[in-house]
C-alpha atoms as a PDB file:
ATOM      1  CA  MET A   1     -97.785 -86.362 111.589  1.00  0.00           C
ATOM      2  CA  ARG A   2    -100.032 -88.922 109.974  1.00  0.00           C
ATOM      3  CA  LYS A   3    -102.688 -87.999 107.570  1.00  0.00           C
ATOM      4  CA  VAL A   4    -106.244 -87.290 108.891  1.00  0.00           C
ATOM      5  CA  PRO A   5    -107.797 -90.443 107.234  1.00  0.00           C
ATOM      6  CA  SER A   6    -105.393 -92.611 109.342  1.00  0.00           C
ATOM      7  CA  TRP A   7    -107.113 -91.491 112.533  1.00  0.00           C
ATOM      8  CA  GLY A   8    -110.095 -93.651 111.688  1.00  0.00           C
ATOM      9  CA  LEU A   9    -112.518 -90.676 111.835  1.00  0.00           C
ATOM     10  CA  PHE A  10    -113.231 -90.549 108.072  1.00  0.00           C
ATOM     11  CA  LYS A  11    -113.364 -92.985 105.143  1.00  0.00           C
ATOM     12  CA  PRO A  12    -109.690 -93.389 104.026  1.00  0.00           C
ATOM     13  CA  LEU A  13    -108.982 -92.360 100.388  1.00  0.00           C
ATOM     14  CA  HIS A  14    -105.507 -93.772  99.927  1.00  0.00           C
ATOM     15  CA  ASN A  15    -104.864 -95.971 102.940  1.00  0.00           C
ATOM     16  CA  SER A  16    -106.128 -99.486 102.829  1.00  0.00           C
ATOM     17  CA  GLN A  17    -108.432-100.853 105.641  1.00  0.00           C
ATOM     18  CA  GLU A  18    -105.715-103.036 106.866  1.00  0.00           C
ATOM     19  CA  GLU A  19    -103.358-100.176 107.452  1.00  0.00           C
ATOM     20  CA  VAL A  20    -105.986 -98.264 109.381  1.00  0.00           C
ATOM     21  CA  SER A  21    -106.797-101.188 111.462  1.00  0.00           C
ATOM     22  CA  HIS A  22    -103.151-101.944 112.121  1.00  0.00           C
ATOM     23  CA  HIS A  23    -102.664 -98.331 113.178  1.00  0.00           C
ATOM     24  CA  MET A  24    -105.610 -98.254 115.498  1.00  0.00           C
ATOM     25  CA  ALA A  25    -104.478-101.489 117.042  1.00  0.00           C
ATOM     26  CA  SER A  26    -101.127 -99.960 117.878  1.00  0.00           C
ATOM     27  CA  VAL A  27    -102.746 -96.960 119.600  1.00  0.00           C
ATOM     28  CA  LEU A  28    -105.524 -98.790 121.625  1.00  0.00           C
ATOM     29  CA  PRO A  29    -104.657-101.013 124.752  1.00  0.00           C
ATOM     30  CA  HIS A  30    -103.960-104.496 123.586  1.00  0.00           C
ATOM     31  CA  SER A  31    -103.430-107.938 124.981  1.00  0.00           C
ATOM     32  CA  GLN A  32    -102.245-111.259 123.606  1.00  0.00           C
ATOM     33  CA  ASP A  33    -104.599-114.165 123.010  1.00  0.00           C
ATOM     34  CA  LYS A  34    -103.758-117.764 123.399  1.00  0.00           C
ATOM     35  CA  GLU A  35    -102.006-118.057 120.163  1.00  0.00           C
ATOM     36  CA  GLY A  36     -99.829-115.009 120.860  1.00  0.00           C
ATOM     37  CA  VAL A  37    -101.592-112.750 118.333  1.00  0.00           C
ATOM     38  CA  THR A  38    -102.108-109.119 119.416  1.00  0.00           C
ATOM     39  CA  LYS A  39    -105.722-107.969 119.440  1.00  0.00           C
ATOM     40  CA  VAL A  40    -107.607-104.826 120.344  1.00  0.00           C
ATOM     41  CA  GLU A  41    -109.267-105.143 123.819  1.00  0.00           C
ATOM     42  CA  ASP A  42    -112.266-103.009 124.742  1.00  0.00           C
ATOM     43  CA  GLU A  43    -112.087-101.068 127.979  1.00  0.00           C
ATOM     44  CA  GLU A  44    -113.349-103.067 130.875  1.00  0.00           C
ATOM     45  CA  ARG A  45    -116.850-102.069 131.977  1.00  0.00           C
ATOM     46  CA  ALA A  46    -117.347-101.507 135.635  1.00  0.00           C
ATOM     47  CA  THR A  47    -120.419-102.309 137.587  1.00  0.00           C
ATOM     48  CA  LEU A  48    -121.489-101.257 141.079  1.00  0.00           C
ATOM     49  CA  PHE A  49    -120.864-104.807 142.374  1.00  0.00           C
ATOM     50  CA  SER A  50    -117.458-105.148 140.694  1.00  0.00           C
ATOM     51  CA  LEU A  51    -116.318-101.841 142.167  1.00  0.00           C
ATOM     52  CA  TRP A  52    -117.536-102.697 145.639  1.00  0.00           C
ATOM     53  CA  LYS A  53    -115.432-105.919 145.566  1.00  0.00           C
ATOM     54  CA  ARG A  54    -112.266-103.917 145.304  1.00  0.00           C
ATOM     55  CA  LYS A  55    -110.771-103.391 148.753  1.00  0.00           C
ATOM     56  CA  ALA A  56    -109.222 -99.952 147.975  1.00  0.00           C
ATOM     57  CA  ILE A  57    -112.527 -98.507 146.624  1.00  0.00           C
ATOM     58  CA  ARG A  58    -114.566 -99.986 149.464  1.00  0.00           C
ATOM     59  CA  GLN A  59    -112.285 -98.471 152.133  1.00  0.00           C
ATOM     60  CA  HIS A  60    -112.387 -95.011 150.436  1.00  0.00           C
ATOM     61  CA  LEU A  61    -116.163 -95.154 150.084  1.00  0.00           C
ATOM     62  CA  LEU A  62    -116.739 -96.149 153.707  1.00  0.00           C
ATOM     63  CA  VAL A  63    -114.698 -93.197 154.859  1.00  0.00           C
ATOM     64  CA  TYR A  64    -116.714 -90.793 152.745  1.00  0.00           C
ATOM     65  CA  TRP A  65    -120.079 -92.347 153.812  1.00  0.00           C
ATOM     66  CA  ILE A  66    -119.321 -92.351 157.456  1.00  0.00           C
ATOM     67  CA  PHE A  67    -117.960 -88.946 157.412  1.00  0.00           C
ATOM     68  CA  SER A  68    -120.984 -87.594 155.475  1.00  0.00           C
ATOM     69  CA  PHE A  69    -123.267 -89.239 158.128  1.00  0.00           C
ATOM     70  CA  LEU A  70    -121.420 -87.594 160.961  1.00  0.00           C
ATOM     71  CA  VAL A  71    -121.379 -84.190 159.392  1.00  0.00           C
ATOM     72  CA  ILE A  72    -125.126 -84.244 158.738  1.00  0.00           C
ATOM     73  CA  THR A  73    -125.730 -85.522 162.260  1.00  0.00           C
ATOM     74  CA  LEU A  74    -123.669 -82.627 163.638  1.00  0.00           C
ATOM     75  CA  ASP A  75    -125.630 -80.056 161.600  1.00  0.00           C
ATOM     76  CA  GLU A  76    -128.864 -81.553 162.888  1.00  0.00           C
ATOM     77  CA  VAL A  77    -127.741 -81.377 166.578  1.00  0.00           C
ATOM     78  CA  PHE A  78    -126.443 -77.917 166.634  1.00  0.00           C
ATOM     79  CA  PRO A  79    -129.779 -76.018 166.262  1.00  0.00           C
ATOM     80  CA  LEU A  80    -131.402 -78.419 168.728  1.00  0.00           C
ATOM     81  CA  TYR A  81    -128.612 -77.580 171.202  1.00  0.00           C
ATOM     82  CA  CYS A  82    -129.155 -73.822 170.597  1.00  0.00           C
ATOM     83  CA  ILE A  83    -132.969 -73.982 171.102  1.00  0.00           C
ATOM     84  CA  SER A  84    -132.984 -76.306 174.118  1.00  0.00           C
ATOM     85  CA  LYS A  85    -133.847 -74.485 177.284  1.00  0.00           C
ATOM     86  CA  THR A  86    -132.868 -77.246 179.623  1.00  0.00           C
ATOM     87  CA  SER A  87    -129.600 -78.662 178.250  1.00  0.00           C
ATOM     88  CA  GLY A  88    -128.808 -75.906 175.667  1.00  0.00           C
ATOM     89  CA  LEU A  89    -128.500 -72.213 175.242  1.00  0.00           C
ATOM     90  CA  GLY A  90    -132.192 -71.560 174.958  1.00  0.00           C
ATOM     91  CA  ILE A  91    -131.918 -68.882 172.363  1.00  0.00           C
ATOM     92  CA  THR A  92    -134.211 -67.883 169.521  1.00  0.00           C
ATOM     93  CA  GLU A  93    -133.873 -68.511 165.776  1.00  0.00           C
ATOM     94  CA  ARG A  94    -132.778 -64.973 165.207  1.00  0.00           C
ATOM     95  CA  ILE A  95    -129.741 -65.351 167.357  1.00  0.00           C
ATOM     96  CA  ILE A  96    -128.972 -68.651 165.727  1.00  0.00           C
ATOM     97  CA  GLY A  97    -128.898 -66.794 162.521  1.00  0.00           C
ATOM     98  CA  ASN A  98    -126.422 -64.405 163.955  1.00  0.00           C
ATOM     99  CA  ILE A  99    -124.205 -67.304 164.926  1.00  0.00           C
ATOM    100  CA  LEU A 100    -124.364 -68.709 161.357  1.00  0.00           C
ATOM    101  CA  SER A 101    -123.574 -65.245 160.009  1.00  0.00           C
ATOM    102  CA  GLY A 102    -120.448 -65.040 162.140  1.00  0.00           C
ATOM    103  CA  THR A 103    -119.590 -68.605 161.046  1.00  0.00           C
ATOM    104  CA  GLY A 104    -119.777 -67.557 157.457  1.00  0.00           C
ATOM    105  CA  LEU A 105    -117.370 -64.699 158.060  1.00  0.00           C
ATOM    106  CA  PHE A 106    -114.805 -66.869 159.841  1.00  0.00           C
ATOM    107  CA  TYR A 107    -115.322 -69.609 157.218  1.00  0.00           C
ATOM    108  CA  CYS A 108    -114.529 -67.367 154.235  1.00  0.00           C
ATOM    109  CA  ILE A 109    -111.242 -66.131 155.868  1.00  0.00           C
ATOM    110  CA  MET A 110    -110.099 -69.605 156.955  1.00  0.00           C
ATOM    111  CA  GLN A 111    -111.019 -71.376 153.738  1.00  0.00           C
ATOM    112  CA  TYR A 112    -109.017 -69.050 151.679  1.00  0.00           C
ATOM    113  CA  PHE A 113    -105.785 -70.074 153.356  1.00  0.00           C
ATOM    114  CA  LEU A 114    -106.571 -73.780 154.293  1.00  0.00           C
ATOM    115  CA  LEU A 115    -108.538 -75.566 151.696  1.00  0.00           C
ATOM    116  CA  THR A 116    -105.979 -75.662 148.933  1.00  0.00           C
ATOM    117  CA  GLY A 117    -102.950 -74.830 151.079  1.00  0.00           C
ATOM    118  CA  LEU A 118    -103.117 -78.089 153.114  1.00  0.00           C
ATOM    119  CA  VAL A 119    -103.314 -80.280 149.921  1.00  0.00           C
ATOM    120  CA  ASP A 120    -100.486 -78.311 148.198  1.00  0.00           C
ATOM    121  CA  ARG A 121     -98.223 -78.634 151.219  1.00  0.00           C
ATOM    122  CA  PHE A 122     -98.881 -82.168 152.547  1.00  0.00           C
ATOM    123  CA  GLY A 123    -100.809 -84.028 149.798  1.00  0.00           C
ATOM    124  CA  PHE A 124    -104.210 -85.673 149.527  1.00  0.00           C
ATOM    125  CA  TYR A 125    -103.898 -88.252 152.269  1.00  0.00           C
ATOM    126  CA  PRO A 126    -102.303 -86.204 154.964  1.00  0.00           C
ATOM    127  CA  ALA A 127    -104.846 -83.480 154.195  1.00  0.00           C
ATOM    128  CA  LEU A 128    -107.634 -86.042 154.635  1.00  0.00           C
ATOM    129  CA  LYS A 129    -106.344 -87.077 158.035  1.00  0.00           C
ATOM    130  CA  ILE A 130    -106.012 -83.495 159.210  1.00  0.00           C
ATOM    131  CA  GLY A 131    -109.473 -82.695 158.030  1.00  0.00           C
ATOM    132  CA  THR A 132    -111.083 -85.590 159.747  1.00  0.00           C
ATOM    133  CA  PHE A 133    -109.159 -84.868 163.056  1.00  0.00           C
ATOM    134  CA  PHE A 134    -110.032 -81.131 163.237  1.00  0.00           C
ATOM    135  CA  SER A 135    -113.689 -81.379 162.067  1.00  0.00           C
ATOM    136  CA  VAL A 136    -116.074 -83.648 163.908  1.00  0.00           C
ATOM    137  CA  PRO A 137    -113.965 -84.163 167.092  1.00  0.00           C
ATOM    138  CA  LEU A 138    -113.939 -80.414 167.661  1.00  0.00           C
ATOM    139  CA  ALA A 139    -117.721 -80.642 168.437  1.00  0.00           C
ATOM    140  CA  ILE A 140    -116.690 -81.326 172.052  1.00  0.00           C
ATOM    141  CA  LEU A 141    -115.899 -77.667 172.437  1.00  0.00           C
ATOM    142  CA  ILE A 142    -119.407 -76.472 171.596  1.00  0.00           C
ATOM    143  CA  PRO A 143    -120.769 -77.207 175.109  1.00  0.00           C
ATOM    144  CA  LEU A 144    -118.222 -74.816 176.555  1.00  0.00           C
ATOM    145  CA  SER A 145    -120.526 -72.105 175.363  1.00  0.00           C
ATOM    146  CA  LEU A 146    -122.773 -72.816 178.323  1.00  0.00           C
ATOM    147  CA  ILE A 147    -119.926 -71.554 180.549  1.00  0.00           C
ATOM    148  CA  THR A 148    -119.183 -68.490 178.452  1.00  0.00           C
ATOM    149  CA  ASN A 149    -122.868 -67.541 178.414  1.00  0.00           C
ATOM    150  CA  GLU A 150    -123.638 -67.931 182.076  1.00  0.00           C
ATOM    151  CA  ASP A 151    -123.843 -64.132 182.763  1.00  0.00           C
ATOM    152  CA  ALA A 152    -126.117 -63.449 179.686  1.00  0.00           C
ATOM    153  CA  THR A 153    -129.791 -62.636 179.952  1.00  0.00           C
ATOM    154  CA  LEU A 154    -132.230 -65.575 179.610  1.00  0.00           C
ATOM    155  CA  GLY A 155    -132.656 -66.290 175.899  1.00  0.00           C
ATOM    156  CA  MET A 156    -129.869 -64.082 174.764  1.00  0.00           C
ATOM    157  CA  LEU A 157    -126.233 -64.595 173.786  1.00  0.00           C
ATOM    158  CA  ASN A 158    -123.283 -62.439 174.781  1.00  0.00           C
ATOM    159  CA  PHE A 159    -120.662 -61.409 172.344  1.00  0.00           C
ATOM    160  CA  SER A 160    -117.939 -63.744 173.706  1.00  0.00           C
ATOM    161  CA  SER A 161    -120.240 -66.820 173.287  1.00  0.00           C
ATOM    162  CA  LEU A 162    -121.205 -65.632 169.762  1.00  0.00           C
ATOM    163  CA  ALA A 163    -117.602 -65.270 168.722  1.00  0.00           C
ATOM    164  CA  PHE A 164    -116.644 -68.451 170.332  1.00  0.00           C
ATOM    165  CA  LEU A 165    -119.386 -70.549 168.646  1.00  0.00           C
ATOM    166  CA  SER A 166    -118.863 -68.826 165.232  1.00  0.00           C
ATOM    167  CA  ALA A 167    -115.107 -69.611 165.335  1.00  0.00           C
ATOM    168  CA  VAL A 168    -115.510 -73.263 166.493  1.00  0.00           C
ATOM    169  CA  TYR A 169    -118.308 -73.980 163.990  1.00  0.00           C
ATOM    170  CA  ALA A 170    -116.478 -72.258 161.152  1.00  0.00           C
ATOM    171  CA  THR A 171    -113.361 -74.328 161.931  1.00  0.00           C
ATOM    172  CA  ILE A 172    -115.404 -77.496 161.820  1.00  0.00           C
ATOM    173  CA  ARG A 173    -116.874 -76.456 158.383  1.00  0.00           C
ATOM    174  CA  VAL A 174    -113.567 -75.588 156.933  1.00  0.00           C
ATOM    175  CA  PHE A 175    -111.946 -78.884 157.819  1.00  0.00           C
ATOM    176  CA  VAL A 176    -115.076 -80.651 156.696  1.00  0.00           C
ATOM    177  CA  ALA A 177    -114.502 -79.178 153.258  1.00  0.00           C
ATOM    178  CA  VAL A 178    -110.903 -80.184 153.319  1.00  0.00           C
ATOM    179  CA  ALA A 179    -111.838 -83.792 154.189  1.00  0.00           C
ATOM    180  CA  ILE A 180    -114.605 -84.047 151.670  1.00  0.00           C
ATOM    181  CA  SER A 181    -112.471 -82.590 148.834  1.00  0.00           C
ATOM    182  CA  SER A 182    -109.532 -84.936 149.663  1.00  0.00           C
ATOM    183  CA  ILE A 183    -111.582 -88.075 149.968  1.00  0.00           C
ATOM    184  CA  THR A 184    -113.259 -87.293 146.668  1.00  0.00           C
ATOM    185  CA  MET A 185    -110.035 -86.861 144.882  1.00  0.00           C
ATOM    186  CA  THR A 186    -108.369 -89.910 146.315  1.00  0.00           C
ATOM    187  CA  THR A 187    -111.514 -92.034 145.665  1.00  0.00           C
ATOM    188  CA  ASN A 188    -111.374 -91.002 141.894  1.00  0.00           C
ATOM    189  CA  ARG A 189    -107.777 -92.191 141.746  1.00  0.00           C
ATOM    190  CA  THR A 190    -108.638 -95.771 142.658  1.00  0.00           C
ATOM    191  CA  VAL A 191    -110.120 -96.443 139.212  1.00  0.00           C
ATOM    192  CA  PRO A 192    -109.183 -95.624 135.527  1.00  0.00           C
ATOM    193  CA  SER A 193    -110.745 -92.530 134.114  1.00  0.00           C
ATOM    194  CA  HIS A 194    -113.409 -94.450 132.170  1.00  0.00           C
ATOM    195  CA  GLN A 195    -114.794 -95.997 135.340  1.00  0.00           C
ATOM    196  CA  ARG A 196    -115.154 -92.888 137.356  1.00  0.00           C
ATOM    197  CA  GLY A 197    -118.744 -92.207 136.248  1.00  0.00           C
ATOM    198  CA  THR A 198    -119.860 -95.510 137.757  1.00  0.00           C
ATOM    199  CA  LEU A 199    -117.780 -94.966 140.848  1.00  0.00           C
ATOM    200  CA  ASN A 200    -119.229 -91.516 141.513  1.00  0.00           C
ATOM    201  CA  GLY A 201    -122.738 -93.023 141.022  1.00  0.00           C
ATOM    202  CA  LEU A 202    -122.036 -95.545 143.678  1.00  0.00           C
ATOM    203  CA  SER A 203    -120.462 -92.879 145.970  1.00  0.00           C
ATOM    204  CA  MET A 204    -123.394 -90.594 145.727  1.00  0.00           C
ATOM    205  CA  LEU A 205    -125.809 -93.520 146.233  1.00  0.00           C
ATOM    206  CA  GLY A 206    -124.319 -94.494 149.552  1.00  0.00           C
ATOM    207  CA  GLY A 207    -123.633 -90.838 150.484  1.00  0.00           C
ATOM    208  CA  SER A 208    -127.277 -89.995 149.992  1.00  0.00           C
ATOM    209  CA  LEU A 209    -128.385 -92.831 152.202  1.00  0.00           C
ATOM    210  CA  ALA A 210    -125.910 -91.766 154.894  1.00  0.00           C
ATOM    211  CA  LYS A 211    -127.096 -88.189 154.762  1.00  0.00           C
ATOM    212  CA  ALA A 212    -130.695 -89.316 155.005  1.00  0.00           C
ATOM    213  CA  LEU A 213    -129.980 -91.277 158.163  1.00  0.00           C
ATOM    214  CA  GLY A 214    -128.022 -88.388 159.817  1.00  0.00           C
ATOM    215  CA  PRO A 215    -130.965 -86.192 160.882  1.00  0.00           C
ATOM    216  CA  LEU A 216    -132.921 -89.209 162.181  1.00  0.00           C
ATOM    217  CA  PHE A 217    -129.943 -90.373 164.309  1.00  0.00           C
ATOM    218  CA  GLY A 218    -129.288 -86.769 165.607  1.00  0.00           C
ATOM    219  CA  GLY A 219    -132.746 -86.206 166.645  1.00  0.00           C
ATOM    220  CA  ILE A 220    -133.081 -89.549 168.486  1.00  0.00           C
ATOM    221  CA  LEU A 221    -129.708 -89.044 170.106  1.00  0.00           C
ATOM    222  CA  PHE A 222    -130.347 -85.559 171.318  1.00  0.00           C
ATOM    223  CA  SER A 223    -133.898 -86.323 172.644  1.00  0.00           C
ATOM    224  CA  THR A 224    -132.716 -89.435 174.396  1.00  0.00           C
ATOM    225  CA  CYS A 225    -129.673 -87.854 176.132  1.00  0.00           C
ATOM    226  CA  VAL A 226    -131.679 -84.716 177.224  1.00  0.00           C
ATOM    227  CA  ASN A 227    -134.528 -86.684 178.553  1.00  0.00           C
ATOM    228  CA  HIS A 228    -132.549 -89.226 180.533  1.00  0.00           C
ATOM    229  CA  MET A 229    -129.697 -87.037 181.977  1.00  0.00           C
ATOM    230  CA  THR A 230    -129.546 -84.123 184.360  1.00  0.00           C
ATOM    231  CA  PRO A 231    -129.353 -80.783 182.576  1.00  0.00           C
ATOM    232  CA  PRO A 232    -127.073 -79.655 181.136  1.00  0.00           C
ATOM    233  CA  PHE A 233    -125.144 -82.931 180.872  1.00  0.00           C
ATOM    234  CA  GLY A 234    -127.548 -84.163 178.228  1.00  0.00           C
ATOM    235  CA  SER A 235    -126.062 -81.913 175.505  1.00  0.00           C
ATOM    236  CA  VAL A 236    -122.535 -82.636 176.797  1.00  0.00           C
ATOM    237  CA  ALA A 237    -123.211 -86.366 176.353  1.00  0.00           C
ATOM    238  CA  VAL A 238    -124.468 -85.724 172.816  1.00  0.00           C
ATOM    239  CA  TYR A 239    -121.351 -83.891 171.711  1.00  0.00           C
ATOM    240  CA  GLY A 240    -119.183 -86.360 173.604  1.00  0.00           C
ATOM    241  CA  ILE A 241    -120.667 -89.231 171.665  1.00  0.00           C
ATOM    242  CA  MET A 242    -120.217 -87.334 168.362  1.00  0.00           C
ATOM    243  CA  THR A 243    -116.540 -86.641 169.267  1.00  0.00           C
ATOM    244  CA  VAL A 244    -115.964 -90.378 170.002  1.00  0.00           C
ATOM    245  CA  LEU A 245    -117.443 -91.325 166.705  1.00  0.00           C
ATOM    246  CA  GLY A 246    -115.356 -88.689 164.943  1.00  0.00           C
ATOM    247  CA  ILE A 247    -112.143 -89.993 166.590  1.00  0.00           C
ATOM    248  CA  CYS A 248    -113.044 -93.565 165.395  1.00  0.00           C
ATOM    249  CA  LEU A 249    -113.272 -92.310 161.889  1.00  0.00           C
ATOM    250  CA  CYS A 250    -109.924 -90.442 162.329  1.00  0.00           C
ATOM    251  CA  VAL A 251    -108.282 -93.751 163.334  1.00  0.00           C
ATOM    252  CA  TYR A 252    -109.829 -95.527 160.269  1.00  0.00           C
ATOM    253  CA  ALA A 253    -108.747 -92.679 157.928  1.00  0.00           C
ATOM    254  CA  TYR A 254    -105.157 -92.738 159.491  1.00  0.00           C
ATOM    255  CA  PHE A 255    -104.783 -96.391 158.483  1.00  0.00           C
ATOM    256  CA  LEU A 256    -106.388 -95.832 155.088  1.00  0.00           C
ATOM    257  CA  GLN A 257    -103.910 -97.295 152.557  1.00  0.00           C
ATOM    258  CA  GLU A 258    -102.527 -94.778 150.154  1.00  0.00           C
ATOM    259  CA  TYR A 259    -103.631 -96.056 146.765  1.00  0.00           C
ATOM    260  CA  ASP A 260    -101.419 -95.841 143.657  1.00  0.00           C
ATOM    261  CA  ASP A 261    -103.774 -95.200 140.788  1.00  0.00           C
ATOM    262  CA  CYS A 262    -101.482 -97.149 138.390  1.00  0.00           C
ATOM    263  CA  LYS A 263    -101.329-100.308 140.490  1.00  0.00           C
ATOM    264  CA  GLU A 264    -104.656-101.799 139.230  1.00  0.00           C
ATOM    265  CA  LEU A 265    -104.862 -99.874 135.965  1.00  0.00           C
ATOM    266  CA  SER A 266    -104.666-103.144 133.985  1.00  0.00           C
ATOM    267  CA  PRO A 267    -104.699-106.801 134.876  1.00  0.00           C
ATOM    268  CA  ALA A 268    -101.684-107.334 132.717  1.00  0.00           C
ATOM    269  CA  ASN A 269     -98.199-106.279 133.829  1.00  0.00           C
ATOM    270  CA  LEU A 270     -97.612-102.685 133.219  1.00  0.00           C
ATOM    271  CA  ALA A 271     -93.937-103.323 132.174  1.00  0.00           C
ATOM    272  CA  GLU A 272     -95.236-105.417 129.224  1.00  0.00           C
ATOM    273  CA  ASN A 273     -97.829-102.787 128.175  1.00  0.00           C
ATOM    274  CA  GLU A 274     -96.302 -99.497 127.061  1.00  0.00           C
ATOM    275  CA  ASN A 275     -99.594 -97.990 126.236  1.00  0.00           C
ATOM    276  CA  ALA A 276    -100.863 -98.671 129.736  1.00  0.00           C
ATOM    277  CA  THR A 277     -97.716 -97.018 131.147  1.00  0.00           C
ATOM    278  CA  LYS A 278     -98.174 -93.955 129.032  1.00  0.00           C
ATOM    279  CA  HIS A 279    -101.887 -93.791 130.149  1.00  0.00           C
ATOM    280  CA  CYS A 280    -100.692 -94.033 133.774  1.00  0.00           C
ATOM    281  CA  ASP A 281     -98.377 -91.119 133.353  1.00  0.00           C
ATOM    282  CA  LEU A 282    -101.085 -89.090 131.767  1.00  0.00           C
ATOM    283  CA  GLU A 283    -103.485 -89.867 134.657  1.00  0.00           C
ATOM    284  CA  LYS A 284    -100.794 -88.627 137.230  1.00  0.00           C
ATOM    285  CA  GLU A 285    -100.458 -85.333 135.273  1.00  0.00           C
ATOM    286  CA  GLU A 286    -104.223 -84.872 135.133  1.00  0.00           C
ATOM    287  CA  LEU A 287    -104.603 -85.497 138.945  1.00  0.00           C
ATOM    288  CA  ALA A 288    -102.283 -82.807 140.291  1.00  0.00           C
ATOM    289  CA  PRO A 289    -103.159 -81.808 143.861  1.00  0.00           C
ATOM    290  CA  THR A 290    -105.195 -78.803 142.986  1.00  0.00           C
ATOM    291  CA  PHE A 291    -108.917 -77.945 143.105  1.00  0.00           C
END
């Protein structure tokens, strides 16, 4: 091992400045100038605009933003469906709390087996496709609770409807967690490690805007369908529209190109840059498919 002064962290006592500079230049990523002389190159700084111009990053961010919008919209529509007396169940807030309690019970059990198990078995991108397919599109099953609850007292919910809604909503939430975790990990793999801070800032910016528009869209959609359609087909139309949008996102995620995090690590050829190749191998070891 080299002496501590050669790391460049302290003032060298025996090594000359030229030796330290030469050693640091051999460690840091380098490129050749016009005259063929090797020089140290600073890490490329990323901006929001430069990241958005990259096709792979743009596609991954769009999947995350659209999915966040649909999930928040679905969360907004569900209590409206439960409270509605014309096109919904017409139940009170206390019973809605019972549904969410049952959802939490099913969610804990299913999440324990599915969240990491799907990624470990199939990988990030297949888990993302599975998560998008079994999350928002399953909303079409929620209006079936109108049939299971036909014999219940007005304003009440029988046990079969309670168990059915809890299981369906828990399934949706579990696969939402799978999809969100997978798209977050795959998005981070589209850039080198020193650009992930900027990338996550751009991701959160668009995600926050999408989540802010979700409740607005959900409220307008539910009120419009309920007011212009014969009960209870208004709520069926709402969840039908949500299912169609979810399927469209599934198709987009299905054709999402699997990105190799080493492909655009450096503009130079990786075969000519041993340091970049080593950095690429370290990135793959750090990004194992675990949570």
